[in-house]
Protein backbone atom coordinates (compact mmCIF):
# COMPACT_ATOMS: atom_id res chain seq x y z
CA MET A 1 2.01 -10.27 -5.85
CA ARG A 2 3.54 -13.30 -4.19
CA LEU A 3 2.13 -16.68 -5.14
CA LYS A 4 2.71 -18.34 -1.76
CA ALA A 5 1.16 -15.43 0.10
CA PHE A 6 -2.02 -15.57 -1.96
CA LEU A 7 -2.43 -19.30 -1.62
CA ALA A 8 -1.85 -19.20 2.14
CA VAL A 9 -3.87 -16.20 3.21
CA THR A 10 -7.46 -15.11 3.52
CA LEU A 11 -7.81 -12.03 5.73
CA SER A 12 -10.06 -12.37 8.75
CA LEU A 13 -10.23 -8.85 10.07
CA ALA A 14 -14.01 -8.63 10.24
CA ALA A 15 -13.98 -8.61 14.01
CA VAL A 16 -11.93 -5.42 14.23
CA GLY A 17 -12.56 -3.63 10.94
CA CYS A 18 -14.98 -1.15 12.52
CA ALA A 19 -14.55 -2.03 16.18
CA SER A 20 -13.30 -0.03 19.14
CA SER A 21 -9.56 0.31 19.56
CA GLY A 22 -10.02 -1.58 22.85
CA LEU A 23 -8.57 0.93 25.32
CA VAL A 24 -9.70 0.36 28.88
CA GLY A 25 -9.12 2.17 32.13
CA SER A 26 -9.10 5.84 33.02
CA GLY A 27 -6.67 8.49 34.13
CA ASP A 28 -3.33 9.29 32.55
CA THR A 29 -2.57 5.72 31.44
CA ARG A 30 -4.93 3.28 29.76
CA SER A 31 -4.39 -0.28 28.54
CA ILE A 32 -5.34 -2.23 25.44
CA ALA A 33 -8.20 -4.60 26.23
CA PRO A 34 -6.80 -8.17 26.25
CA GLY A 35 -9.44 -9.48 23.83
CA ILE A 36 -8.75 -6.80 21.21
CA ALA A 37 -5.00 -7.24 21.61
CA GLN A 38 -5.37 -10.98 21.09
CA GLN A 39 -7.40 -10.45 17.92
CA ALA A 40 -4.74 -8.09 16.55
CA ALA A 41 -2.00 -10.59 17.35
CA GLN A 42 -3.89 -13.38 15.57
CA GLN A 43 -4.34 -11.23 12.49
CA HIS A 44 -0.75 -9.96 12.43
CA GLU A 45 0.57 -12.75 10.19
CA GLN A 46 -2.27 -12.12 7.75
CA VAL A 47 -1.42 -8.43 7.58
CA LEU A 48 2.19 -9.33 6.86
CA ALA A 49 1.16 -11.60 3.99
CA GLU A 50 -1.04 -8.89 2.49
CA PHE A 51 1.79 -6.35 2.58
CA GLY A 52 4.83 -8.33 1.50
CA GLY A 53 6.01 -9.54 4.89
CA ALA A 54 7.84 -7.85 7.76
CA GLU A 55 11.30 -6.39 7.48
CA SER A 56 13.83 -7.56 10.03
CA GLY A 57 17.28 -6.54 11.12
CA ARG A 58 18.72 -3.08 11.69
CA ARG A 59 16.01 -1.02 9.97
CA ALA A 60 13.13 -2.80 11.69
CA ALA A 61 14.85 -2.36 15.06
CA TYR A 62 15.30 1.34 14.32
CA VAL A 63 11.59 1.83 13.58
CA SER A 64 10.62 -0.09 16.71
CA ALA A 65 12.96 2.04 18.82
CA VAL A 66 11.43 5.27 17.52
CA GLY A 67 7.98 3.78 18.04
CA GLY A 68 8.93 2.99 21.62
CA ARG A 69 9.70 6.64 22.29
CA ILE A 70 6.34 7.61 20.83
CA ALA A 71 4.48 4.92 22.77
CA ALA A 72 5.95 6.17 26.04
CA GLN A 73 4.20 9.52 25.46
CA SER A 74 0.89 8.14 24.20
CA GLY A 75 -0.91 7.53 27.48
CA VAL A 76 -1.09 3.78 26.75
CA ALA A 77 0.45 1.36 29.23
CA PRO A 78 3.89 -0.06 28.33
CA GLY A 79 3.73 -2.92 25.85
CA GLY A 80 0.44 -1.71 24.40
CA PHE A 81 1.88 -0.82 20.98
CA ARG A 82 3.75 -2.94 18.46
CA PHE A 83 5.48 -1.36 15.46
CA THR A 84 6.18 -3.27 12.24
CA THR A 85 7.97 -2.29 9.03
CA LEU A 86 6.39 -3.85 5.94
CA ASN A 87 8.22 -4.88 2.77
CA SER A 88 5.73 -3.04 0.58
CA PRO A 89 6.05 -0.52 -2.29
CA VAL A 90 2.77 1.09 -1.23
CA MET A 91 3.16 4.52 0.38
CA ASN A 92 1.25 3.69 3.55
CA ALA A 93 1.08 3.63 7.32
CA PHE A 94 -1.89 2.43 9.33
CA ALA A 95 -2.98 1.41 12.80
CA VAL A 96 -5.01 -1.68 13.67
CA PRO A 97 -7.24 -1.72 16.78
CA GLY A 98 -5.33 -3.59 19.42
CA GLY A 99 -2.22 -1.43 19.27
CA TYR A 100 -0.53 -2.70 16.09
CA ILE A 101 1.00 0.06 13.96
CA TYR A 102 2.45 -0.62 10.52
CA ILE A 103 4.60 1.45 8.17
CA THR A 104 5.88 0.47 4.73
CA ARG A 105 9.46 0.78 3.57
CA GLN A 106 8.18 3.02 0.77
CA MET A 107 6.92 5.52 3.35
CA LEU A 108 10.25 5.29 5.18
CA GLY A 109 12.06 6.04 1.95
CA LEU A 110 10.21 9.31 1.50
CA MET A 111 11.16 10.53 4.97
CA ASN A 112 14.26 12.62 5.56
CA SER A 113 14.68 12.37 9.32
CA GLU A 114 13.89 10.33 12.39
CA ALA A 115 11.64 13.16 13.54
CA GLU A 116 9.50 12.74 10.40
CA LEU A 117 9.18 9.05 11.21
CA ALA A 118 8.14 9.95 14.76
CA SER A 119 5.46 12.27 13.39
CA VAL A 120 3.81 9.51 11.32
CA LEU A 121 4.01 6.94 14.10
CA GLY A 122 2.56 9.52 16.49
CA HIS A 123 -0.26 10.26 14.07
CA GLU A 124 -1.18 6.58 13.76
CA ALA A 125 -0.95 6.08 17.52
CA GLY A 126 -3.31 9.04 17.82
CA HIS A 127 -5.95 7.25 15.75
CA ILE A 128 -5.87 4.40 18.30
CA THR A 129 -5.86 6.54 21.44
CA ALA A 130 -8.73 8.64 20.06
CA ASP A 131 -10.69 5.47 19.13
CA HIS A 132 -11.25 6.63 15.55
CA SER A 133 -11.70 3.08 14.25
CA ALA A 134 -15.21 2.90 15.67
CA GLU A 135 -16.40 5.68 13.36
CA ARG A 136 -14.62 5.03 10.06
CA GLN A 137 -16.56 4.50 6.86
CA ASN A 138 -15.49 2.34 3.95
CA ARG A 139 -15.83 3.95 0.53
CA SER A 140 -14.24 1.29 -1.68
CA LEU A 141 -16.05 -0.34 -4.57
CA TRP A 142 -14.18 -3.52 -3.72
CA THR A 143 -15.95 -3.68 -0.38
CA GLN A 144 -19.17 -4.34 -2.29
CA LEU A 145 -17.84 -6.65 -4.93
CA GLY A 146 -14.12 -6.81 -5.70
CA ALA A 147 -12.87 -7.71 -2.24
CA ALA A 148 -14.99 -10.83 -2.29
CA LEU A 149 -13.14 -11.93 -5.39
CA LEU A 150 -9.80 -11.85 -3.57
CA GLY A 151 -10.82 -15.05 -1.82
CA ALA A 152 -12.99 -16.41 -4.57
CA VAL A 153 -10.74 -19.22 -5.75
CA SER A 154 -11.07 -20.84 -2.35
CA GLY A 155 -14.53 -21.99 -3.42
CA SER A 156 -15.99 -20.86 -0.09
CA GLY A 157 -18.62 -18.17 0.11
CA ASP A 158 -17.90 -17.85 3.84
CA LEU A 159 -14.22 -17.20 3.17
CA ALA A 160 -15.09 -14.66 0.51
CA GLN A 161 -17.31 -12.90 3.02
CA ILE A 162 -14.44 -12.76 5.49
CA ALA A 163 -12.06 -11.50 2.82
CA ALA A 164 -14.42 -8.71 1.85
CA GLN A 165 -14.91 -7.59 5.43
CA GLY A 166 -11.24 -7.85 6.22
CA ALA A 167 -10.23 -5.79 3.21
CA GLN A 168 -12.14 -2.86 4.67
CA ILE A 169 -9.34 -2.02 7.02
CA TRP A 170 -7.03 -1.02 4.17
CA THR A 171 -9.54 1.32 2.51
CA LEU A 172 -11.18 2.97 5.49
CA SER A 173 -11.25 6.75 5.28
CA TYR A 174 -11.09 9.02 8.27
CA SER A 175 -13.18 12.14 8.60
CA ARG A 176 -11.56 15.56 8.38
CA SER A 177 -11.96 16.10 12.10
CA GLN A 178 -10.39 12.72 12.88
CA GLU A 179 -7.38 13.46 10.70
CA LEU A 180 -6.85 16.84 12.31
CA GLU A 181 -7.19 15.35 15.77
CA ALA A 182 -4.62 12.65 14.91
CA ASP A 183 -2.30 15.37 13.55
CA ASP A 184 -2.64 17.28 16.83
CA LEU A 185 -1.98 14.16 18.88
CA GLY A 186 1.00 13.28 16.72
CA VAL A 187 2.55 16.73 17.13
CA ARG A 188 2.00 16.62 20.88
CA THR A 189 3.37 13.10 21.20
CA MET A 190 6.50 13.61 19.11
CA SER A 191 7.24 16.84 20.94
CA GLY A 192 6.87 15.07 24.28
CA ALA A 193 9.25 12.39 23.01
CA GLY A 194 11.90 15.04 22.37
CA TYR A 195 11.55 15.53 18.62
CA ASP A 196 11.25 18.81 16.72
CA PRO A 197 7.50 19.17 16.09
CA LEU A 198 8.09 21.23 12.93
CA GLN A 199 9.09 18.00 11.20
CA SER A 200 5.42 16.93 11.23
CA PRO A 201 4.21 19.55 8.70
CA ARG A 202 7.42 18.95 6.75
CA MET A 203 6.48 15.30 6.36
CA LEU A 204 2.91 16.17 5.41
CA ALA A 205 4.24 18.54 2.73
CA SER A 206 6.49 15.83 1.28
CA LEU A 207 3.59 13.39 1.16
CA GLY A 208 1.43 15.98 -0.56
CA ALA A 209 4.11 16.70 -3.16
CA TRP A 210 4.68 12.98 -3.81
CA THR A 211 0.95 12.41 -4.15
CA ASP A 212 0.64 15.24 -6.65
CA LEU A 213 3.50 13.78 -8.69
CA GLU A 214 2.10 10.25 -8.62
CA THR A 215 -1.32 11.57 -9.67
CA ARG A 216 0.30 13.06 -12.76
CA PHE A 217 1.63 9.61 -13.66
CA VAL A 218 -1.72 7.87 -13.79
CA GLY A 219 -2.83 7.53 -17.38
CA ARG A 220 0.61 8.28 -18.78
CA ASP A 221 2.82 5.78 -20.53
CA GLN A 222 5.74 6.73 -18.26
CA ASP A 223 4.18 5.36 -15.09
CA ALA A 224 0.75 4.05 -14.17
CA ARG A 225 1.48 3.49 -10.49
CA ALA A 226 -1.58 4.22 -8.38
CA VAL A 227 -1.89 7.19 -6.05
CA PRO A 228 -0.26 6.41 -2.66
CA SER A 229 -2.59 4.63 -0.24
CA TRP A 230 -1.78 6.96 2.64
CA ALA A 231 -3.03 9.87 0.57
CA ARG A 232 -6.33 8.11 -0.11
CA THR A 233 -7.01 7.22 3.51
CA HIS A 234 -5.39 10.33 5.04
CA PRO A 235 -6.36 13.22 2.69
CA LEU A 236 -3.66 15.87 2.39
CA SER A 237 -4.01 19.60 1.82
CA SER A 238 -2.00 22.79 2.14
CA GLU A 239 -4.48 23.87 4.82
CA ARG A 240 -3.65 20.77 6.82
CA VAL A 241 0.09 21.44 6.51
CA GLY A 242 -0.45 25.01 7.69
CA ARG A 243 -2.53 23.87 10.63
CA ALA A 244 0.11 21.34 11.66
CA THR A 245 2.70 24.13 11.51
CA ASP A 246 0.59 26.26 13.84
CA ARG A 247 0.19 23.35 16.26
CA ALA A 248 3.95 22.72 16.21
CA ARG A 249 4.66 26.36 17.03
CA ALA A 250 2.08 26.30 19.80
CA THR A 251 4.14 23.67 21.64
CA GLY A 252 6.82 26.27 22.24
CA ARG A 253 9.41 23.78 20.94
CA ALA A 254 9.27 24.46 17.19
CA GLY A 255 12.75 24.18 15.70
CA GLN A 256 14.02 22.53 18.86
CA GLY A 257 14.55 18.92 19.76
CA LEU A 258 15.80 15.90 17.86
CA VAL A 259 15.77 15.68 14.05
CA ASN A 260 18.34 12.90 13.52
CA ARG A 261 18.60 13.16 9.75
CA ASP A 262 21.88 11.23 9.47
CA GLN A 263 20.61 8.35 11.58
CA HIS A 264 17.56 8.04 9.36
CA LEU A 265 19.58 8.15 6.14
CA GLU A 266 21.89 5.43 7.46
CA ALA A 267 18.86 3.22 8.06
CA LEU A 268 17.71 3.74 4.46
CA ASP A 269 21.01 3.15 2.68
CA GLY A 270 20.64 0.16 0.33
CA MET A 271 16.90 -0.27 0.97
CA ILE A 272 14.68 -1.32 -1.94
CA PHE A 273 12.46 1.54 -3.14
CA ASP A 274 9.37 0.89 -5.25
CA ASP A 275 8.86 -2.78 -6.13
CA ASP A 276 10.69 -5.79 -4.81
CA PRO A 277 11.25 -8.08 -7.85
CA ALA A 278 10.31 -11.06 -5.68
CA GLN A 279 6.77 -9.63 -5.68
CA GLY A 280 6.77 -8.34 -9.27
CA VAL A 281 7.54 -4.87 -10.59
CA ILE A 282 5.58 -2.05 -12.20
CA ASP A 283 7.33 -0.51 -15.19
CA GLY A 284 5.19 2.16 -16.81
CA ARG A 285 1.91 0.43 -17.64
CA ASP A 286 3.58 -2.99 -17.57
CA PHE A 287 3.54 -5.44 -14.68
CA ARG A 288 6.35 -8.00 -14.80
CA HIS A 289 7.07 -10.83 -12.38
CA PRO A 290 10.50 -12.43 -12.85
CA ASP A 291 9.88 -15.44 -10.59
CA LEU A 292 6.42 -16.27 -11.98
CA ARG A 293 7.78 -15.45 -15.47
CA LEU A 294 4.76 -13.41 -16.62
CA ALA A 295 3.89 -9.90 -17.76
CA PHE A 296 0.85 -7.86 -18.76
CA THR A 297 -0.02 -4.25 -19.66
CA VAL A 298 -2.80 -2.18 -18.07
CA PRO A 299 -4.95 0.19 -20.16
CA GLN A 300 -3.89 3.79 -20.57
CA GLY A 301 -5.56 5.99 -17.97
CA PHE A 302 -5.61 3.28 -15.27
CA GLY A 303 -3.59 3.13 -12.09
CA ILE A 304 -1.86 -0.05 -10.96
CA GLN A 305 -0.84 -1.14 -7.47
CA ASN A 306 0.93 -4.30 -6.38
CA GLY A 307 -0.05 -6.10 -3.18
CA GLY A 308 0.86 -9.27 -1.37
CA ARG A 309 -2.04 -11.25 -2.81
CA ALA A 310 -3.03 -9.46 -5.99
CA VAL A 311 -2.28 -6.70 -8.45
CA SER A 312 -5.05 -4.07 -8.46
CA ILE A 313 -5.94 -1.95 -11.48
CA ALA A 314 -8.35 0.98 -11.17
CA GLY A 315 -9.75 3.76 -13.33
CA THR A 316 -12.91 5.78 -13.78
CA SER A 317 -14.50 3.18 -16.07
CA GLY A 318 -13.75 0.01 -14.14
CA GLN A 319 -11.59 -1.96 -11.72
CA ALA A 320 -9.68 -5.21 -12.03
CA GLN A 321 -7.43 -7.51 -10.07
CA PHE A 322 -4.89 -10.13 -11.12
CA SER A 323 -4.20 -13.08 -8.87
CA THR A 324 -3.95 -16.85 -8.63
CA GLY A 325 -5.43 -19.79 -6.76
CA ALA A 326 -5.50 -23.55 -6.41
CA TYR A 327 -5.70 -25.24 -9.80
CA ASP A 328 -6.34 -28.87 -10.75
CA GLY A 329 -6.11 -28.62 -14.55
CA ASN A 330 -9.75 -27.63 -15.15
CA LEU A 331 -10.18 -23.98 -16.16
CA ASP A 332 -13.98 -24.21 -16.19
CA ALA A 333 -14.01 -25.40 -12.58
CA TYR A 334 -11.46 -22.74 -11.65
CA ILE A 335 -13.70 -19.98 -13.03
CA GLY A 336 -16.76 -21.59 -11.49
CA ARG A 337 -15.23 -21.40 -8.01
CA VAL A 338 -14.77 -17.66 -8.42
CA PHE A 339 -18.47 -17.14 -9.14
CA GLN A 340 -19.56 -19.63 -6.48
CA ALA A 341 -17.56 -17.72 -3.89
CA LEU A 342 -18.99 -14.45 -5.13
CA ALA A 343 -22.49 -15.87 -4.68
CA GLY A 344 -21.74 -16.23 -0.97
CA GLN A 345 -21.11 -12.48 -0.82
CA GLN A 346 -23.81 -11.17 -3.13
CA GLY A 347 -26.63 -13.73 -2.92
CA GLN A 348 -27.79 -16.05 -5.70
CA VAL A 349 -25.60 -15.82 -8.80
CA GLN A 350 -25.92 -18.17 -11.74
CA VAL A 351 -22.53 -19.45 -12.85
CA PRO A 352 -22.20 -18.32 -16.47
CA GLN A 353 -21.08 -20.43 -19.41
CA THR A 354 -17.34 -20.29 -20.02
CA ARG A 355 -15.71 -19.72 -23.39
CA THR A 356 -12.30 -21.20 -24.20
CA THR A 357 -9.66 -19.31 -26.13
CA GLN A 358 -5.91 -18.88 -26.62
CA VAL A 359 -3.82 -15.89 -25.51
CA ASN A 360 -0.18 -15.66 -26.58
CA GLY A 361 0.11 -19.45 -26.68
CA LEU A 362 -1.61 -19.94 -23.32
CA ARG A 363 -4.79 -21.96 -22.91
CA ALA A 364 -7.43 -19.61 -21.50
CA ALA A 365 -11.12 -19.38 -20.62
CA THR A 366 -13.48 -16.55 -19.72
CA ALA A 367 -17.01 -15.89 -18.47
CA THR A 368 -19.07 -12.77 -17.63
CA ALA A 369 -21.95 -12.38 -15.17
CA ARG A 370 -24.30 -9.49 -14.43
CA MET A 371 -24.41 -8.62 -10.72
CA GLN A 372 -26.07 -6.11 -8.42
CA ALA A 373 -24.00 -3.82 -6.18
CA GLN A 374 -24.68 -0.59 -4.31
CA GLN A 375 -23.43 1.32 -7.34
CA GLY A 376 -25.96 -0.44 -9.58
CA MET A 377 -25.73 -3.32 -12.02
CA LEU A 378 -22.20 -4.40 -12.90
CA ASP A 379 -20.54 -6.80 -15.34
CA VAL A 380 -18.05 -9.11 -13.63
CA THR A 381 -15.70 -11.02 -15.91
CA VAL A 382 -13.25 -13.76 -14.94
CA PHE A 383 -10.47 -14.40 -17.46
CA ALA A 384 -8.24 -17.35 -16.51
CA TYR A 385 -5.01 -18.74 -17.99
CA GLU A 386 -3.28 -22.09 -17.60
CA PHE A 387 0.48 -21.75 -17.04
CA ALA A 388 1.01 -25.40 -16.05
CA ARG A 389 -1.12 -28.39 -15.15
CA ASP A 390 -1.04 -27.26 -11.52
CA ARG A 391 -0.87 -23.48 -11.94
CA ALA A 392 -3.30 -20.89 -13.25
CA PHE A 393 -3.73 -17.12 -13.02
CA HIS A 394 -6.73 -14.93 -13.60
CA PHE A 395 -8.08 -11.41 -13.96
CA VAL A 396 -11.36 -10.34 -12.40
CA THR A 397 -12.74 -7.20 -14.04
CA VAL A 398 -15.66 -5.05 -12.89
CA THR A 399 -17.32 -2.64 -15.33
CA PRO A 400 -20.72 -0.96 -15.70
CA ALA A 401 -23.46 -3.27 -16.95
CA GLY A 402 -23.39 -3.89 -20.68
CA GLN A 403 -19.67 -3.28 -21.12
CA GLY A 404 -18.31 -6.76 -20.47
CA LEU A 405 -14.55 -6.47 -20.46
CA GLY A 406 -14.84 -2.89 -21.67
CA PRO A 407 -11.50 -1.08 -21.29
CA PHE A 408 -9.78 -4.28 -20.13
CA SER A 409 -10.06 -6.11 -23.47
CA THR A 410 -6.46 -5.31 -24.44
CA MET A 411 -5.17 -6.06 -20.95
CA VAL A 412 -6.48 -9.64 -20.84
CA GLN A 413 -4.95 -10.23 -24.28
CA SER A 414 -1.56 -8.87 -23.19
CA LEU A 415 -0.70 -11.54 -20.62
CA ARG A 416 2.38 -13.47 -21.73
CA ARG A 417 5.28 -15.55 -20.49
CA LEU A 418 8.61 -13.83 -19.88
CA THR A 419 11.71 -15.34 -21.39
CA ALA A 420 14.55 -16.33 -19.09
CA GLN A 421 16.55 -13.37 -20.38
CA GLU A 422 13.70 -10.93 -19.73
CA ALA A 423 13.21 -12.24 -16.21
CA ALA A 424 16.93 -12.04 -15.41
CA ALA A 425 17.06 -8.41 -16.56
CA ILE A 426 14.54 -7.23 -13.94
CA ARG A 427 16.36 -5.41 -11.13
CA PRO A 428 15.20 -3.51 -8.05
CA ARG A 429 15.58 0.20 -7.43
CA VAL A 430 17.49 0.92 -4.21
CA ILE A 431 18.23 4.00 -2.13
CA ASP A 432 21.84 5.15 -2.28
CA ILE A 433 22.99 7.78 0.23
CA VAL A 434 25.62 10.04 -1.37
CA THR A 435 27.54 13.11 -0.27
CA VAL A 436 27.25 16.21 -2.45
CA GLY A 437 30.59 17.04 -4.08
CA ALA A 438 32.02 20.31 -5.38
CA GLY A 439 30.68 19.86 -8.91
CA ASP A 440 27.33 18.34 -8.01
CA SER A 441 23.97 20.02 -8.54
CA VAL A 442 20.33 19.05 -8.31
CA ASP A 443 20.28 18.42 -12.06
CA SER A 444 23.48 16.35 -12.18
CA LEU A 445 22.49 14.15 -9.25
CA ALA A 446 18.92 13.76 -10.50
CA ARG A 447 20.25 12.38 -13.79
CA ARG A 448 21.66 9.43 -11.83
CA MET A 449 18.18 8.42 -10.68
CA ALA A 450 16.78 5.11 -11.99
CA TYR A 451 13.78 6.75 -13.67
CA ASP A 452 13.06 7.81 -17.22
CA SER A 453 10.83 10.73 -16.28
CA TYR A 454 10.47 13.48 -13.65
CA GLN A 455 13.99 12.89 -12.35
CA VAL A 456 14.45 16.36 -10.89
CA GLU A 457 10.99 16.41 -9.35
CA ARG A 458 11.53 13.02 -7.73
CA PHE A 459 14.96 13.99 -6.44
CA ARG A 460 13.66 17.19 -4.84
CA ILE A 461 10.66 15.54 -3.18
CA LEU A 462 12.69 12.57 -1.90
CA ASN A 463 15.15 14.98 -0.31
CA GLY A 464 12.65 17.51 0.98
CA LEU A 465 13.93 20.26 -1.31
CA ALA A 466 11.67 23.09 -2.39
CA ALA A 467 11.79 24.40 -5.96
CA GLY A 468 14.35 27.10 -5.17
CA ASP A 469 16.55 25.10 -2.79
CA SER A 470 20.13 24.38 -3.82
CA LEU A 471 22.62 21.83 -2.53
CA GLN A 472 25.62 22.41 -0.30
CA ARG A 473 28.93 20.63 -0.57
CA GLY A 474 29.10 17.87 2.07
CA GLN A 475 25.32 17.55 2.27
CA ARG A 476 24.01 13.96 2.27
CA VAL A 477 21.16 13.16 -0.09
CA LYS A 478 19.12 10.21 -1.30
CA LEU A 479 19.32 8.81 -4.82
CA VAL A 480 17.23 5.97 -6.16
CA VAL A 481 19.49 3.88 -8.40
CA TRP A 482 19.44 0.46 -10.01
CA GLY A 483 20.47 -2.36 -7.71
CA SER A 484 21.18 -6.02 -8.34
CA ARG A 485 19.28 -9.20 -7.51
């Protein structure tokens, strides 16, 4: 979560959240409709703020170059696609109607070749060329209630409405047939661009393995990081991997064409993996932000995911978000603006009475309201803290009616200031490309990873190694090690 990003941004993607991709024309080459392209361009800066900003330099140029090869095979007129690398720890890639395709550095870090990158970019381009955006359905609870609260501190019901609609684009789920069609288009496109199409199922298998591992973390003290976003919006399965393998072989080019593993590894060397400390870091069930000098702990059994504007916490018994907003020294008014904005999304809501309290030496206030959503009656609680006369932070929690804070009672009491020493000790994890030596093994290299748990499993998945695969001397592999700020 970046303070400046949250204060500056309210998403306005309502116009394209469920709209056509905007392709016009017929024949072998179509174009992006100018109006849709203009909307995507206007929203680009808002997407960047939501996902930690755009990367620049050598790695961003590399992704754009690979995207250019894919775009040339897509059937869309030159200049129709724009590819952006996001500084985000979320495992995600997505396409916005209008030809904008985004991929996070976290997703790049999982890949082991340029051909795997081409497969994902081709898949996302396929969603646009097949006009899948017109048929997607949003299945997120936050569409009904929580997304409105992202913009609540603005005090504008209209802005909250826009925020809720705009947030849909990050939680839209594709149908099974749409995913398979995008897989097919991705295989065809990457093959036409000269890449080995067998790298597509290889990438899908790595994503599936990473998702399985991350799912095991949720609810454990070792790591409460949420399941990767790409896995939620692009469901993975062994059947899908097998189908992609069949499609790759059907091209007649399986095992042929570019892989470019070394070029991809060079682009990753030194890249931050997982959280950027400038946005806060997840450490087990703890969230710590060295620049904002704060920390809190999520309940056991809940996943946590960091975004550009907020930290999201989710579990089977409730959801929550942590964020900030404009503050003038009045906590009651601060909380009132949240509920006033929510009223613009949900209809008439009576602003509840606030209760003042103290949490770890911080002045705090809280209020709970009962609200109606598609899922039924819900308790919405705002718990706000004063960090300075001009700065406040707050949780918004959503639980079934009658529970109030429910499972989040300990979380709201855990918020605290970090000491200068604690903040200075927070370092990023970075990818280090190393060459396997004579005495190296999977176990010995995995022990160098900057994780306390599942070191071998992480090492194997990050390097595309199956359970029985061994290393060869001279082979280049990825490690995730501690870096410096």
